[in-house]
């Protein structure tokens, strides 16, 4: 009976995992949300020795490939650490989701957000004066 308990405890420790979310960022979400783009890239790390984060650049290139003639906006990024096997093996994972806008729509959105100078005709009237 002791051997089954030992095997069960050992399996439970080896199969357990813990996830921590380091950061979440969000850019302004566009009103036109027809074409969603998403990428998820990760890297396995042993004993906590991580020498580069090149997988993040792969995520950027993947988003560019999904939106070749436009601009990605409304970008939600998540940076996660997933720890396996008694915390000896980690997985660093970045997930990015956004919306692809054609260049013409993206330019129109940018122009409508800029403030122009107010003309004398648009000045508010003040009845108290």
C-alpha atoms as a PDB file:
ATOM      1  CA  UNK A   1       0.000   0.000   0.000  1.00  0.00           C
ATOM      2  CA  UNK A   2       2.909   2.353   0.699  1.00  0.00           C
ATOM      3  CA  UNK A   3       4.272   1.908  -2.821  1.00  0.00           C
ATOM      4  CA  UNK A   4       0.965   3.071  -4.366  1.00  0.00           C
ATOM      5  CA  UNK A   5       0.940   6.134  -2.141  1.00  0.00           C
ATOM      6  CA  UNK A   6       4.532   6.937  -3.087  1.00  0.00           C
ATOM      7  CA  UNK A   7       3.787   6.512  -6.804  1.00  0.00           C
ATOM      8  CA  UNK A   8       0.673   8.701  -6.525  1.00  0.00           C
ATOM      9  CA  UNK A   9       2.532  11.477  -4.713  1.00  0.00           C
ATOM     10  CA  UNK A  10       5.423  11.321  -7.181  1.00  0.00           C
ATOM     11  CA  UNK A  11       3.093  11.503 -10.202  1.00  0.00           C
ATOM     12  CA  UNK A  12       1.126  14.369  -8.674  1.00  0.00           C
ATOM     13  CA  UNK A  13       4.331  16.365  -8.136  1.00  0.00           C
ATOM     14  CA  UNK A  14       5.643  15.639 -11.635  1.00  0.00           C
ATOM     15  CA  UNK A  15       2.382  16.472 -13.406  1.00  0.00           C
ATOM     16  CA  UNK A  16       1.598  19.628 -11.456  1.00  0.00           C
ATOM     17  CA  UNK A  17       2.126  23.040 -13.006  1.00  0.00           C
ATOM     18  CA  UNK A  18       1.822  26.662 -12.029  1.00  0.00           C
ATOM     19  CA  UNK A  19       1.084  29.632 -14.284  1.00  0.00           C
ATOM     20  CA  UNK A  20       1.864  33.265 -13.584  1.00  0.00           C
ATOM     21  CA  UNK A  21       0.791  36.184 -15.744  1.00  0.00           C
ATOM     22  CA  UNK A  22       3.490  38.848 -15.789  1.00  0.00           C
ATOM     23  CA  UNK A  23       1.935  41.595 -17.861  1.00  0.00           C
ATOM     24  CA  UNK A  24      -1.004  42.451 -20.064  1.00  0.00           C
ATOM     25  CA  UNK A  25      -1.069  45.408 -22.432  1.00  0.00           C
ATOM     26  CA  UNK A  26      -3.801  46.722 -24.688  1.00  0.00           C
ATOM     27  CA  UNK A  27      -3.704  49.315 -27.443  1.00  0.00           C
ATOM     28  CA  UNK A  28      -6.838  51.244 -28.548  1.00  0.00           C
ATOM     29  CA  UNK A  29      -9.413  48.924 -30.137  1.00  0.00           C
ATOM     30  CA  UNK A  30     -10.630  50.040 -33.594  1.00  0.00           C
ATOM     31  CA  UNK A  31     -14.306  50.371 -34.430  1.00  0.00           C
ATOM     32  CA  UNK A  32     -13.854  48.158 -37.505  1.00  0.00           C
ATOM     33  CA  UNK A  33     -13.038  44.661 -36.219  1.00  0.00           C
ATOM     34  CA  UNK A  34     -13.515  42.365 -39.202  1.00  0.00           C
ATOM     35  CA  UNK A  35     -10.165  40.587 -39.503  1.00  0.00           C
ATOM     36  CA  UNK A  36      -8.679  39.282 -36.247  1.00  0.00           C
ATOM     37  CA  UNK A  37      -5.028  38.186 -36.093  1.00  0.00           C
ATOM     38  CA  UNK A  38      -3.536  36.045 -33.334  1.00  0.00           C
ATOM     39  CA  UNK A  39      -0.186  34.496 -32.525  1.00  0.00           C
ATOM     40  CA  UNK A  40       1.178  32.481 -29.649  1.00  0.00           C
ATOM     41  CA  UNK A  41       4.905  31.863 -29.295  1.00  0.00           C
ATOM     42  CA  UNK A  42       6.797  30.201 -26.496  1.00  0.00           C
ATOM     43  CA  UNK A  43      10.131  28.878 -25.349  1.00  0.00           C
ATOM     44  CA  UNK A  44      11.030  26.034 -22.977  1.00  0.00           C
ATOM     45  CA  UNK A  45      13.608  26.937 -20.323  1.00  0.00           C
ATOM     46  CA  UNK A  46      15.502  24.415 -18.190  1.00  0.00           C
ATOM     47  CA  UNK A  47      16.569  25.286 -14.630  1.00  0.00           C
ATOM     48  CA  UNK A  48      15.763  28.960 -15.208  1.00  0.00           C
ATOM     49  CA  UNK A  49      18.627  29.582 -17.646  1.00  0.00           C
ATOM     50  CA  UNK A  50      17.269  31.853 -20.368  1.00  0.00           C
ATOM     51  CA  UNK A  51      19.777  33.454 -22.691  1.00  0.00           C
ATOM     52  CA  UNK A  52      17.517  35.185 -25.237  1.00  0.00           C
ATOM     53  CA  UNK A  53      13.938  36.140 -25.993  1.00  0.00           C
ATOM     54  CA  UNK A  54      14.078  35.779 -29.779  1.00  0.00           C
ATOM     55  CA  UNK A  55      10.693  34.065 -29.829  1.00  0.00           C
ATOM     56  CA  UNK A  56       9.044  37.470 -29.254  1.00  0.00           C
ATOM     57  CA  UNK A  57      10.403  38.704 -32.584  1.00  0.00           C
ATOM     58  CA  UNK A  58       8.923  35.587 -34.206  1.00  0.00           C
ATOM     59  CA  UNK A  59       5.526  36.639 -32.815  1.00  0.00           C
ATOM     60  CA  UNK A  60       5.893  40.108 -34.369  1.00  0.00           C
ATOM     61  CA  UNK A  61       6.802  38.605 -37.743  1.00  0.00           C
ATOM     62  CA  UNK A  62       3.848  36.211 -37.524  1.00  0.00           C
ATOM     63  CA  UNK A  63       1.446  39.144 -36.975  1.00  0.00           C
ATOM     64  CA  UNK A  64       2.987  40.970 -39.946  1.00  0.00           C
ATOM     65  CA  UNK A  65       2.509  37.886 -42.140  1.00  0.00           C
ATOM     66  CA  UNK A  66      -1.175  37.711 -41.185  1.00  0.00           C
ATOM     67  CA  UNK A  67      -1.681  41.395 -42.059  1.00  0.00           C
ATOM     68  CA  UNK A  68       0.618  42.052 -45.051  1.00  0.00           C
ATOM     69  CA  UNK A  69      -1.180  45.099 -46.525  1.00  0.00           C
ATOM     70  CA  UNK A  70      -2.443  46.747 -43.382  1.00  0.00           C
ATOM     71  CA  UNK A  71      -1.819  47.804 -39.827  1.00  0.00           C
ATOM     72  CA  UNK A  72      -2.399  45.727 -36.683  1.00  0.00           C
ATOM     73  CA  UNK A  73      -4.288  47.693 -34.013  1.00  0.00           C
ATOM     74  CA  UNK A  74      -6.235  46.829 -30.884  1.00  0.00           C
ATOM     75  CA  UNK A  75      -3.357  44.626 -29.816  1.00  0.00           C
ATOM     76  CA  UNK A  76      -3.762  42.626 -26.591  1.00  0.00           C
ATOM     77  CA  UNK A  77      -0.512  41.007 -25.421  1.00  0.00           C
ATOM     78  CA  UNK A  78      -0.020  38.595 -22.539  1.00  0.00           C
ATOM     79  CA  UNK A  79       3.326  37.489 -21.097  1.00  0.00           C
ATOM     80  CA  UNK A  80       3.073  34.227 -19.119  1.00  0.00           C
ATOM     81  CA  UNK A  81       5.398  31.897 -17.229  1.00  0.00           C
ATOM     82  CA  UNK A  82       4.307  28.270 -16.976  1.00  0.00           C
ATOM     83  CA  UNK A  83       6.305  26.127 -14.581  1.00  0.00           C
ATOM     84  CA  UNK A  84       6.355  22.316 -14.859  1.00  0.00           C
ATOM     85  CA  UNK A  85       8.018  19.377 -13.150  1.00  0.00           C
ATOM     86  CA  UNK A  86       8.922  20.708  -9.708  1.00  0.00           C
ATOM     87  CA  UNK A  87       9.769  24.091 -11.269  1.00  0.00           C
ATOM     88  CA  UNK A  88      12.839  22.712 -13.088  1.00  0.00           C
ATOM     89  CA  UNK A  89      11.221  23.218 -16.501  1.00  0.00           C
ATOM     90  CA  UNK A  90       9.583  26.528 -17.426  1.00  0.00           C
ATOM     91  CA  UNK A  91       7.780  27.745 -20.487  1.00  0.00           C
ATOM     92  CA  UNK A  92       7.852  31.430 -21.319  1.00  0.00           C
ATOM     93  CA  UNK A  93       4.884  32.261 -23.557  1.00  0.00           C
ATOM     94  CA  UNK A  94       3.706  35.421 -25.307  1.00  0.00           C
ATOM     95  CA  UNK A  95       0.201  35.642 -26.783  1.00  0.00           C
ATOM     96  CA  UNK A  96      -0.840  38.557 -29.006  1.00  0.00           C
ATOM     97  CA  UNK A  97      -4.306  39.190 -30.461  1.00  0.00           C
ATOM     98  CA  UNK A  98      -5.271  42.186 -32.573  1.00  0.00           C
ATOM     99  CA  UNK A  99      -7.189  43.414 -35.613  1.00  0.00           C
ATOM    100  CA  UNK A 100      -5.843  43.969 -39.111  1.00  0.00           C
ATOM    101  CA  UNK A 101      -6.991  47.204 -40.736  1.00  0.00           C
ATOM    102  CA  UNK A 102      -6.268  48.058 -44.382  1.00  0.00           C
ATOM    103  CA  UNK A 103      -3.919  51.032 -44.780  1.00  0.00           C
ATOM    104  CA  UNK A 104      -6.750  53.275 -46.058  1.00  0.00           C
ATOM    105  CA  UNK A 105      -8.947  52.550 -43.016  1.00  0.00           C
ATOM    106  CA  UNK A 106      -6.003  52.948 -40.661  1.00  0.00           C
ATOM    107  CA  UNK A 107      -5.110  56.319 -42.212  1.00  0.00           C
ATOM    108  CA  UNK A 108      -8.721  57.550 -42.003  1.00  0.00           C
ATOM    109  CA  UNK A 109      -8.885  56.528 -38.354  1.00  0.00           C
ATOM    110  CA  UNK A 110      -5.647  58.394 -37.629  1.00  0.00           C
ATOM    111  CA  UNK A 111      -6.880  61.535 -39.423  1.00  0.00           C
ATOM    112  CA  UNK A 112     -10.209  61.583 -37.604  1.00  0.00           C
ATOM    113  CA  UNK A 113      -8.443  61.410 -34.236  1.00  0.00           C
ATOM    114  CA  UNK A 114      -6.256  64.463 -34.896  1.00  0.00           C
ATOM    115  CA  UNK A 115      -7.604  67.774 -33.718  1.00  0.00           C
ATOM    116  CA  UNK A 116      -7.869  70.593 -36.178  1.00  0.00           C
ATOM    117  CA  UNK A 117      -7.870  74.282 -35.367  1.00  0.00           C
ATOM    118  CA  UNK A 118     -11.288  75.651 -34.488  1.00  0.00           C
ATOM    119  CA  UNK A 119     -12.614  78.302 -36.827  1.00  0.00           C
ATOM    120  CA  UNK A 120     -14.507  81.410 -35.744  1.00  0.00           C
ATOM    121  CA  UNK A 121     -17.739  79.817 -36.998  1.00  0.00           C
ATOM    122  CA  UNK A 122     -17.316  76.862 -34.650  1.00  0.00           C
ATOM    123  CA  UNK A 123     -16.690  78.975 -31.548  1.00  0.00           C
ATOM    124  CA  UNK A 124     -19.342  78.398 -28.872  1.00  0.00           C
ATOM    125  CA  UNK A 125     -21.593  81.292 -28.058  1.00  0.00           C
ATOM    126  CA  UNK A 126     -21.751  82.529 -24.475  1.00  0.00           C
ATOM    127  CA  UNK A 127     -25.168  84.059 -23.630  1.00  0.00           C
ATOM    128  CA  UNK A 128     -23.887  85.646 -20.406  1.00  0.00           C
ATOM    129  CA  UNK A 129     -21.632  88.127 -22.190  1.00  0.00           C
END
